[in-house]
């Protein structure tokens, strides 16, 4: 495999893979580490890529397994990033803080989902994968991917509602 090919793949998919890991784990440093591990695995496996799926789907599948492996091995509980973005003085600072707090609740709810559900939401809703691509990453049929995503959204909605109700009682 040519070094140039791997560099092109890295430049093309790094941001998407990093974003996937950041949404999955909620920690910038963890996302960086797992992105590097994913492209290391891509470098080791690229010669074996058979073209049965899109290259992006194949890379996301590797990322899915890298994350699952991280969870199995990890003894470190990476903290969620809780930074509130700078407020724009021209905008409404109260609304900006409320939006940041809501994003924190979204991140908390996502983190409480099983990995497969979390991956389904992140890959379909944030990364825009088709049901066929999502199925390939999760190693299921497209119709099963739809069911997994439906259940993931239902579970997410329930968790988010629990978190927001818990916040109002403080």
N, C-alpha and C. Protein backbone atom coordinates (compact mmCIF):
# COMPACT_ATOMS: atom_id res chain seq x y z
N UNK A 1 0.84 -1.18 0.00
CA UNK A 1 0.00 0.00 0.00
C UNK A 1 0.89 1.24 0.00
N UNK A 2 0.55 2.18 -0.82
CA UNK A 2 1.35 3.39 -0.94
C UNK A 2 1.06 4.34 0.23
N UNK A 3 2.13 4.96 0.70
CA UNK A 3 2.01 5.94 1.78
C UNK A 3 1.06 7.07 1.36
N UNK A 4 1.15 7.45 0.09
CA UNK A 4 0.32 8.51 -0.46
C UNK A 4 -1.17 8.17 -0.35
N UNK A 5 -1.52 6.90 -0.59
CA UNK A 5 -2.92 6.47 -0.49
C UNK A 5 -3.44 6.63 0.92
N UNK A 6 -2.65 6.21 1.89
CA UNK A 6 -3.07 6.33 3.29
C UNK A 6 -3.20 7.80 3.69
N UNK A 7 -2.29 8.63 3.24
CA UNK A 7 -2.38 10.07 3.55
C UNK A 7 -3.66 10.67 2.97
N UNK A 8 -4.02 10.28 1.75
CA UNK A 8 -5.25 10.78 1.13
C UNK A 8 -6.48 10.32 1.92
N UNK A 9 -6.48 9.06 2.33
CA UNK A 9 -7.59 8.54 3.12
C UNK A 9 -7.70 9.28 4.45
N UNK A 10 -6.56 9.50 5.07
CA UNK A 10 -6.54 10.21 6.35
C UNK A 10 -7.11 11.62 6.20
N UNK A 11 -6.63 12.34 5.19
CA UNK A 11 -7.12 13.71 4.97
C UNK A 11 -8.62 13.71 4.66
N UNK A 12 -9.07 12.74 3.91
CA UNK A 12 -10.48 12.72 3.50
C UNK A 12 -11.43 12.33 4.63
N UNK A 13 -11.04 11.35 5.46
CA UNK A 13 -11.97 10.79 6.45
C UNK A 13 -11.65 11.14 7.90
N UNK A 14 -10.55 11.79 8.16
CA UNK A 14 -10.16 12.07 9.54
C UNK A 14 -11.23 12.83 10.31
N UNK A 15 -11.77 13.88 9.73
CA UNK A 15 -12.75 14.71 10.43
C UNK A 15 -14.00 13.91 10.77
N UNK A 16 -14.49 13.12 9.84
CA UNK A 16 -15.69 12.31 10.10
C UNK A 16 -15.44 11.27 11.18
N UNK A 17 -14.30 10.63 11.11
CA UNK A 17 -13.98 9.60 12.11
C UNK A 17 -13.79 10.25 13.48
N UNK A 18 -13.08 11.37 13.52
CA UNK A 18 -12.91 12.08 14.79
C UNK A 18 -14.27 12.48 15.37
N UNK A 19 -15.14 13.03 14.53
CA UNK A 19 -16.47 13.47 14.99
C UNK A 19 -17.26 12.27 15.52
N UNK A 20 -17.16 11.14 14.83
CA UNK A 20 -17.83 9.92 15.29
C UNK A 20 -17.36 9.56 16.70
N UNK A 21 -16.04 9.52 16.89
CA UNK A 21 -15.52 9.16 18.21
C UNK A 21 -15.85 10.20 19.26
N UNK A 22 -15.84 11.46 18.89
CA UNK A 22 -16.17 12.50 19.85
C UNK A 22 -17.62 12.36 20.30
N UNK A 23 -18.51 12.09 19.37
CA UNK A 23 -19.92 11.89 19.73
C UNK A 23 -20.11 10.61 20.53
N UNK A 24 -19.36 9.58 20.20
CA UNK A 24 -19.49 8.30 20.92
C UNK A 24 -18.96 8.40 22.34
N UNK A 25 -17.80 9.06 22.50
CA UNK A 25 -17.14 9.08 23.81
C UNK A 25 -17.23 10.38 24.56
N UNK A 26 -17.53 11.48 23.85
CA UNK A 26 -17.69 12.77 24.51
C UNK A 26 -16.41 13.37 25.05
N UNK A 27 -15.25 12.92 24.54
CA UNK A 27 -13.99 13.43 25.05
C UNK A 27 -13.03 13.66 23.87
N UNK A 28 -12.51 14.87 23.77
CA UNK A 28 -11.65 15.26 22.67
C UNK A 28 -10.40 14.39 22.58
N UNK A 29 -9.72 14.19 23.70
CA UNK A 29 -8.47 13.44 23.68
C UNK A 29 -8.70 11.96 23.34
N UNK A 30 -9.78 11.40 23.85
CA UNK A 30 -10.13 10.03 23.50
C UNK A 30 -10.42 9.93 22.01
N UNK A 31 -11.15 10.90 21.48
CA UNK A 31 -11.48 10.89 20.05
C UNK A 31 -10.20 10.96 19.21
N UNK A 32 -9.26 11.78 19.62
CA UNK A 32 -7.98 11.86 18.89
C UNK A 32 -7.25 10.52 18.92
N UNK A 33 -7.17 9.93 20.10
CA UNK A 33 -6.46 8.67 20.26
C UNK A 33 -7.10 7.56 19.41
N UNK A 34 -8.43 7.47 19.46
CA UNK A 34 -9.11 6.42 18.71
C UNK A 34 -9.09 6.66 17.20
N UNK A 35 -9.05 7.92 16.80
CA UNK A 35 -8.91 8.24 15.37
C UNK A 35 -7.57 7.74 14.87
N UNK A 36 -6.52 7.98 15.64
CA UNK A 36 -5.19 7.49 15.25
C UNK A 36 -5.18 5.96 15.18
N UNK A 37 -5.78 5.31 16.17
CA UNK A 37 -5.83 3.85 16.18
C UNK A 37 -6.59 3.33 14.96
N UNK A 38 -7.67 4.00 14.60
CA UNK A 38 -8.46 3.57 13.44
C UNK A 38 -7.62 3.63 12.18
N UNK A 39 -6.91 4.72 11.97
CA UNK A 39 -6.11 4.82 10.75
C UNK A 39 -4.90 3.90 10.77
N UNK A 40 -4.43 3.56 11.94
CA UNK A 40 -3.40 2.52 12.04
C UNK A 40 -3.97 1.19 11.56
N UNK A 41 -5.18 0.86 12.02
CA UNK A 41 -5.83 -0.38 11.58
C UNK A 41 -6.16 -0.35 10.09
N UNK A 42 -6.54 0.82 9.59
CA UNK A 42 -6.78 0.96 8.15
C UNK A 42 -5.49 0.67 7.39
N UNK A 43 -4.37 1.21 7.86
CA UNK A 43 -3.09 0.97 7.19
C UNK A 43 -2.74 -0.51 7.18
N UNK A 44 -3.02 -1.20 8.28
CA UNK A 44 -2.72 -2.63 8.35
C UNK A 44 -3.64 -3.46 7.45
N UNK A 45 -4.86 -2.98 7.23
CA UNK A 45 -5.89 -3.78 6.56
C UNK A 45 -6.20 -3.36 5.13
N UNK A 46 -5.67 -2.25 4.67
CA UNK A 46 -6.08 -1.70 3.38
C UNK A 46 -5.86 -2.66 2.22
N UNK A 47 -4.78 -3.40 2.26
CA UNK A 47 -4.53 -4.37 1.19
C UNK A 47 -5.61 -5.44 1.12
N UNK A 48 -6.29 -5.69 2.23
CA UNK A 48 -7.35 -6.69 2.28
C UNK A 48 -8.73 -6.14 1.95
N UNK A 49 -8.85 -4.83 1.68
CA UNK A 49 -10.14 -4.24 1.34
C UNK A 49 -10.61 -4.83 0.01
N UNK A 50 -11.81 -5.46 0.04
CA UNK A 50 -12.31 -6.16 -1.14
C UNK A 50 -13.31 -5.34 -1.95
N UNK A 51 -13.68 -4.18 -1.48
CA UNK A 51 -14.59 -3.34 -2.23
C UNK A 51 -16.04 -3.78 -2.17
N UNK A 52 -16.40 -4.59 -1.17
CA UNK A 52 -17.78 -5.05 -1.04
C UNK A 52 -18.69 -3.95 -0.51
N UNK A 53 -18.11 -2.89 0.03
CA UNK A 53 -18.86 -1.73 0.49
C UNK A 53 -18.05 -0.51 0.10
N UNK A 54 -18.62 0.65 0.31
CA UNK A 54 -17.89 1.89 0.06
C UNK A 54 -16.70 1.96 1.03
N UNK A 55 -15.66 2.59 0.60
CA UNK A 55 -14.47 2.74 1.43
C UNK A 55 -14.82 3.44 2.75
N UNK A 56 -15.66 4.47 2.69
CA UNK A 56 -16.05 5.18 3.90
C UNK A 56 -16.77 4.25 4.88
N UNK A 57 -17.64 3.39 4.37
CA UNK A 57 -18.36 2.44 5.22
C UNK A 57 -17.38 1.48 5.87
N UNK A 58 -16.42 1.00 5.09
CA UNK A 58 -15.40 0.08 5.61
C UNK A 58 -14.60 0.75 6.72
N UNK A 59 -14.24 2.03 6.55
CA UNK A 59 -13.48 2.74 7.57
C UNK A 59 -14.32 2.95 8.83
N UNK A 60 -15.61 3.29 8.66
CA UNK A 60 -16.48 3.43 9.82
C UNK A 60 -16.65 2.10 10.54
N UNK A 61 -16.67 1.01 9.81
CA UNK A 61 -16.77 -0.31 10.44
C UNK A 61 -15.54 -0.57 11.31
N UNK A 62 -14.37 -0.23 10.78
CA UNK A 62 -13.14 -0.36 11.57
C UNK A 62 -13.24 0.52 12.82
N UNK A 63 -13.72 1.75 12.65
CA UNK A 63 -13.87 2.66 13.78
C UNK A 63 -14.83 2.09 14.82
N UNK A 64 -15.92 1.49 14.36
CA UNK A 64 -16.88 0.87 15.29
C UNK A 64 -16.20 -0.20 16.13
N UNK A 65 -15.38 -1.04 15.49
CA UNK A 65 -14.68 -2.09 16.22
C UNK A 65 -13.56 -1.54 17.10
N UNK A 66 -12.92 -0.48 16.66
CA UNK A 66 -11.90 0.16 17.50
C UNK A 66 -12.55 0.69 18.78
N UNK A 67 -13.72 1.31 18.65
CA UNK A 67 -14.41 1.84 19.83
C UNK A 67 -14.88 0.71 20.75
N UNK A 68 -15.43 -0.34 20.17
CA UNK A 68 -15.87 -1.49 20.98
C UNK A 68 -14.68 -2.11 21.71
N UNK A 69 -13.55 -2.22 21.03
CA UNK A 69 -12.34 -2.74 21.67
C UNK A 69 -11.86 -1.84 22.79
N UNK A 70 -11.95 -0.54 22.57
CA UNK A 70 -11.57 0.42 23.62
C UNK A 70 -12.44 0.20 24.86
N UNK A 71 -13.73 0.03 24.66
CA UNK A 71 -14.62 -0.17 25.81
C UNK A 71 -14.29 -1.45 26.57
N UNK A 72 -13.95 -2.50 25.84
CA UNK A 72 -13.61 -3.78 26.50
C UNK A 72 -12.32 -3.65 27.31
N UNK A 73 -11.34 -2.94 26.77
CA UNK A 73 -10.02 -2.84 27.40
C UNK A 73 -9.92 -1.74 28.44
N UNK A 74 -10.74 -0.73 28.31
CA UNK A 74 -10.54 0.50 29.07
C UNK A 74 -10.80 0.33 30.55
N UNK A 75 -9.83 0.77 31.30
CA UNK A 75 -9.98 0.86 32.75
C UNK A 75 -10.14 2.33 33.14
N UNK A 76 -9.83 3.20 32.18
CA UNK A 76 -9.91 4.63 32.41
C UNK A 76 -11.29 5.10 31.99
N UNK A 77 -11.94 5.85 32.85
CA UNK A 77 -13.24 6.42 32.52
C UNK A 77 -13.00 7.87 32.08
N UNK A 78 -12.93 8.08 30.75
CA UNK A 78 -12.64 9.40 30.22
C UNK A 78 -13.78 10.34 30.57
N UNK A 79 -13.49 11.52 31.10
CA UNK A 79 -14.56 12.46 31.43
C UNK A 79 -15.16 13.07 30.16
N UNK A 80 -16.45 13.36 30.23
CA UNK A 80 -17.11 14.05 29.13
C UNK A 80 -16.62 15.49 29.13
N UNK A 81 -16.41 16.04 27.93
CA UNK A 81 -16.08 17.46 27.82
C UNK A 81 -17.32 18.26 28.15
N UNK A 82 -17.17 19.23 29.01
CA UNK A 82 -18.32 20.02 29.46
C UNK A 82 -18.16 21.50 29.14
N UNK A 83 -17.27 21.81 28.20
CA UNK A 83 -17.02 23.22 27.91
C UNK A 83 -18.26 23.89 27.34
N UNK A 84 -18.56 25.05 27.87
CA UNK A 84 -19.64 25.87 27.33
C UNK A 84 -18.99 26.82 26.32
N UNK A 85 -19.49 26.82 25.08
CA UNK A 85 -18.86 27.68 24.07
C UNK A 85 -18.95 29.15 24.44
N UNK A 86 -17.98 29.92 23.95
CA UNK A 86 -18.01 31.36 24.19
C UNK A 86 -19.30 31.93 23.64
N UNK A 87 -19.87 32.85 24.39
CA UNK A 87 -21.09 33.48 23.92
C UNK A 87 -20.73 34.67 23.06
N UNK A 88 -21.50 34.87 22.03
CA UNK A 88 -21.30 35.99 21.14
C UNK A 88 -22.05 37.17 21.74
N UNK A 89 -21.36 38.25 22.02
CA UNK A 89 -21.98 39.39 22.69
C UNK A 89 -23.07 40.03 21.83
N UNK A 90 -23.02 39.81 20.52
CA UNK A 90 -24.06 40.35 19.65
C UNK A 90 -25.33 39.51 19.75
N UNK A 91 -25.21 38.27 20.15
CA UNK A 91 -26.36 37.38 20.27
C UNK A 91 -26.91 37.42 21.69
N UNK A 92 -27.70 36.43 22.00
CA UNK A 92 -28.31 36.33 23.32
C UNK A 92 -27.47 35.39 24.18
N UNK A 93 -26.69 35.91 25.13
CA UNK A 93 -25.82 35.05 25.93
C UNK A 93 -26.60 34.04 26.77
N UNK A 94 -27.79 34.40 27.24
CA UNK A 94 -28.60 33.47 28.03
C UNK A 94 -28.99 32.28 27.16
N UNK A 95 -29.42 32.55 25.94
CA UNK A 95 -29.79 31.47 25.02
C UNK A 95 -28.58 30.59 24.68
N UNK A 96 -27.42 31.21 24.52
CA UNK A 96 -26.20 30.44 24.22
C UNK A 96 -25.88 29.48 25.36
N UNK A 97 -26.01 29.95 26.60
CA UNK A 97 -25.75 29.08 27.76
C UNK A 97 -26.80 27.97 27.82
N UNK A 98 -28.08 28.31 27.59
CA UNK A 98 -29.13 27.29 27.59
C UNK A 98 -28.87 26.23 26.52
N UNK A 99 -28.45 26.68 25.33
CA UNK A 99 -28.14 25.72 24.25
C UNK A 99 -26.98 24.82 24.65
N UNK A 100 -25.96 25.39 25.30
CA UNK A 100 -24.82 24.59 25.74
C UNK A 100 -25.26 23.58 26.79
N UNK A 101 -26.15 23.99 27.69
CA UNK A 101 -26.64 23.06 28.72
C UNK A 101 -27.44 21.94 28.07
N UNK A 102 -28.27 22.28 27.08
CA UNK A 102 -29.02 21.25 26.37
C UNK A 102 -28.08 20.28 25.65
N UNK A 103 -27.01 20.81 25.05
CA UNK A 103 -26.05 19.92 24.39
C UNK A 103 -25.40 18.99 25.41
N UNK A 104 -25.17 19.49 26.60
CA UNK A 104 -24.63 18.63 27.66
C UNK A 104 -25.58 17.51 28.00
N UNK A 105 -26.88 17.82 28.06
CA UNK A 105 -27.89 16.79 28.33
C UNK A 105 -27.97 15.79 27.18
N UNK A 106 -27.86 16.29 25.95
CA UNK A 106 -27.86 15.39 24.78
C UNK A 106 -26.67 14.44 24.87
N UNK A 107 -25.51 14.99 25.18
CA UNK A 107 -24.29 14.18 25.29
C UNK A 107 -24.43 13.15 26.42
N UNK A 108 -25.01 13.57 27.57
CA UNK A 108 -25.22 12.64 28.68
C UNK A 108 -26.16 11.51 28.27
N UNK A 109 -27.25 11.86 27.60
CA UNK A 109 -28.20 10.83 27.16
C UNK A 109 -27.55 9.88 26.17
N UNK A 110 -26.78 10.41 25.23
CA UNK A 110 -26.08 9.56 24.27
C UNK A 110 -25.14 8.59 24.97
N UNK A 111 -24.41 9.08 25.97
CA UNK A 111 -23.45 8.24 26.68
C UNK A 111 -24.11 7.10 27.45
N UNK A 112 -25.36 7.26 27.79
CA UNK A 112 -26.07 6.23 28.56
C UNK A 112 -26.67 5.14 27.66
N UNK A 113 -26.62 5.36 26.36
CA UNK A 113 -27.14 4.36 25.43
C UNK A 113 -26.14 3.22 25.26
N UNK A 114 -26.63 2.01 24.96
CA UNK A 114 -25.71 0.94 24.58
C UNK A 114 -24.92 1.37 23.33
N UNK A 115 -23.73 0.86 23.18
CA UNK A 115 -22.83 1.27 22.11
C UNK A 115 -23.49 1.15 20.73
N UNK A 116 -24.18 0.08 20.48
CA UNK A 116 -24.79 -0.13 19.17
C UNK A 116 -25.85 0.94 18.89
N UNK A 117 -26.64 1.29 19.89
CA UNK A 117 -27.65 2.34 19.72
C UNK A 117 -26.98 3.69 19.50
N UNK A 118 -25.95 3.97 20.31
CA UNK A 118 -25.23 5.23 20.17
C UNK A 118 -24.62 5.35 18.78
N UNK A 119 -24.00 4.27 18.32
CA UNK A 119 -23.39 4.28 16.99
C UNK A 119 -24.45 4.50 15.91
N UNK A 120 -25.60 3.87 16.04
CA UNK A 120 -26.66 4.02 15.05
C UNK A 120 -27.08 5.48 14.94
N UNK A 121 -27.29 6.13 16.07
CA UNK A 121 -27.71 7.54 16.05
C UNK A 121 -26.61 8.42 15.46
N UNK A 122 -25.39 8.25 15.92
CA UNK A 122 -24.29 9.10 15.46
C UNK A 122 -24.05 8.90 13.97
N UNK A 123 -24.01 7.65 13.53
CA UNK A 123 -23.69 7.39 12.12
C UNK A 123 -24.80 7.82 11.18
N UNK A 124 -26.04 7.64 11.57
CA UNK A 124 -27.16 8.00 10.69
C UNK A 124 -27.50 9.48 10.78
N UNK A 125 -27.65 9.99 11.99
CA UNK A 125 -28.14 11.35 12.17
C UNK A 125 -27.05 12.42 12.08
N UNK A 126 -25.84 12.09 12.47
CA UNK A 126 -24.77 13.09 12.45
C UNK A 126 -23.88 12.91 11.23
N UNK A 127 -23.50 11.67 10.94
CA UNK A 127 -22.62 11.41 9.80
C UNK A 127 -23.39 11.20 8.49
N UNK A 128 -24.70 10.99 8.57
CA UNK A 128 -25.52 10.90 7.37
C UNK A 128 -25.40 9.61 6.57
N UNK A 129 -24.99 8.52 7.22
CA UNK A 129 -24.91 7.25 6.51
C UNK A 129 -26.30 6.77 6.11
N UNK A 130 -26.39 6.11 4.98
CA UNK A 130 -27.65 5.51 4.55
C UNK A 130 -27.92 4.28 5.42
N UNK A 131 -29.14 3.75 5.32
CA UNK A 131 -29.45 2.53 6.08
C UNK A 131 -28.60 1.36 5.59
N UNK A 132 -28.29 1.34 4.31
CA UNK A 132 -27.43 0.28 3.77
C UNK A 132 -26.03 0.37 4.38
N UNK A 133 -25.49 1.61 4.43
CA UNK A 133 -24.17 1.81 5.02
C UNK A 133 -24.19 1.52 6.52
N UNK A 134 -25.22 1.99 7.20
CA UNK A 134 -25.34 1.74 8.64
C UNK A 134 -25.40 0.24 8.91
N UNK A 135 -26.18 -0.48 8.11
CA UNK A 135 -26.26 -1.93 8.25
C UNK A 135 -24.90 -2.59 8.06
N UNK A 136 -24.14 -2.09 7.06
CA UNK A 136 -22.81 -2.66 6.81
C UNK A 136 -21.88 -2.43 8.00
N UNK A 137 -21.94 -1.24 8.59
CA UNK A 137 -21.08 -0.95 9.74
C UNK A 137 -21.46 -1.83 10.93
N UNK A 138 -22.77 -1.98 11.17
CA UNK A 138 -23.24 -2.75 12.32
C UNK A 138 -23.33 -4.25 12.03
N UNK A 139 -23.05 -4.63 10.78
CA UNK A 139 -23.09 -6.03 10.35
C UNK A 139 -24.50 -6.62 10.45
N UNK A 140 -25.48 -5.83 9.98
CA UNK A 140 -26.87 -6.26 9.94
C UNK A 140 -27.47 -5.82 8.60
N UNK A 141 -28.67 -6.29 8.30
CA UNK A 141 -29.35 -5.87 7.08
C UNK A 141 -29.82 -4.41 7.22
N UNK A 142 -30.09 -3.75 6.09
CA UNK A 142 -30.61 -2.38 6.17
C UNK A 142 -31.92 -2.29 6.96
N UNK A 143 -32.80 -3.28 6.82
CA UNK A 143 -34.06 -3.23 7.57
C UNK A 143 -33.82 -3.39 9.07
N UNK A 144 -32.87 -4.23 9.44
CA UNK A 144 -32.52 -4.36 10.86
C UNK A 144 -31.86 -3.07 11.37
N UNK A 145 -31.08 -2.41 10.51
CA UNK A 145 -30.47 -1.13 10.89
C UNK A 145 -31.56 -0.11 11.20
N UNK A 146 -32.64 -0.12 10.41
CA UNK A 146 -33.77 0.80 10.66
C UNK A 146 -34.40 0.53 12.03
N UNK A 147 -34.56 -0.76 12.35
CA UNK A 147 -35.15 -1.13 13.64
C UNK A 147 -34.23 -0.70 14.78
N UNK A 148 -32.94 -0.94 14.63
CA UNK A 148 -31.98 -0.54 15.66
C UNK A 148 -32.03 0.97 15.87
N UNK A 149 -32.06 1.73 14.77
CA UNK A 149 -32.12 3.18 14.88
C UNK A 149 -33.42 3.63 15.54
N UNK A 150 -34.53 3.03 15.18
CA UNK A 150 -35.81 3.38 15.80
C UNK A 150 -35.75 3.15 17.31
N UNK A 151 -35.27 1.98 17.70
CA UNK A 151 -35.17 1.67 19.14
C UNK A 151 -34.19 2.59 19.84
N UNK A 152 -33.10 2.92 19.16
CA UNK A 152 -32.10 3.83 19.74
C UNK A 152 -32.71 5.20 19.99
N UNK A 153 -33.48 5.70 19.04
CA UNK A 153 -34.12 7.01 19.21
C UNK A 153 -35.14 7.00 20.33
N UNK A 154 -35.90 5.92 20.42
CA UNK A 154 -36.88 5.79 21.51
C UNK A 154 -36.18 5.81 22.86
N UNK A 155 -35.11 5.04 22.98
CA UNK A 155 -34.36 4.97 24.23
C UNK A 155 -33.70 6.30 24.54
N UNK A 156 -33.16 6.94 23.50
CA UNK A 156 -32.55 8.26 23.69
C UNK A 156 -33.58 9.25 24.20
N UNK A 157 -34.74 9.27 23.57
CA UNK A 157 -35.82 10.20 23.97
C UNK A 157 -36.18 9.99 25.44
N UNK A 158 -36.29 8.74 25.84
CA UNK A 158 -36.63 8.43 27.23
C UNK A 158 -35.53 8.92 28.18
N UNK A 159 -34.28 8.65 27.85
CA UNK A 159 -33.17 9.07 28.70
C UNK A 159 -33.08 10.59 28.77
N UNK A 160 -33.24 11.25 27.63
CA UNK A 160 -33.18 12.71 27.60
C UNK A 160 -34.28 13.31 28.47
N UNK A 161 -35.48 12.76 28.36
CA UNK A 161 -36.59 13.25 29.18
C UNK A 161 -36.32 13.04 30.67
N UNK A 162 -35.73 11.89 31.02
CA UNK A 162 -35.38 11.65 32.42
C UNK A 162 -34.37 12.68 32.91
N UNK A 163 -33.39 12.97 32.07
CA UNK A 163 -32.36 13.94 32.46
C UNK A 163 -32.94 15.34 32.60
N UNK A 164 -33.82 15.74 31.70
CA UNK A 164 -34.38 17.09 31.78
C UNK A 164 -35.33 17.20 32.96
N UNK A 165 -36.08 16.14 33.26
CA UNK A 165 -36.97 16.16 34.42
C UNK A 165 -36.16 16.20 35.70
N UNK A 166 -35.03 15.49 35.70
CA UNK A 166 -34.16 15.49 36.88
C UNK A 166 -33.55 16.85 37.13
N UNK A 167 -33.25 17.59 36.04
CA UNK A 167 -32.68 18.93 36.16
C UNK A 167 -33.67 19.91 36.76
N UNK A 168 -34.94 19.78 36.43
CA UNK A 168 -35.91 20.76 36.89
C UNK A 168 -36.19 20.64 38.39
N UNK A 169 -35.85 19.50 38.99
CA UNK A 169 -36.13 19.31 40.42
C UNK A 169 -34.99 19.81 41.30
N UNK A 170 -33.87 20.24 40.69
CA UNK A 170 -32.72 20.71 41.48
C UNK A 170 -32.96 22.04 42.09
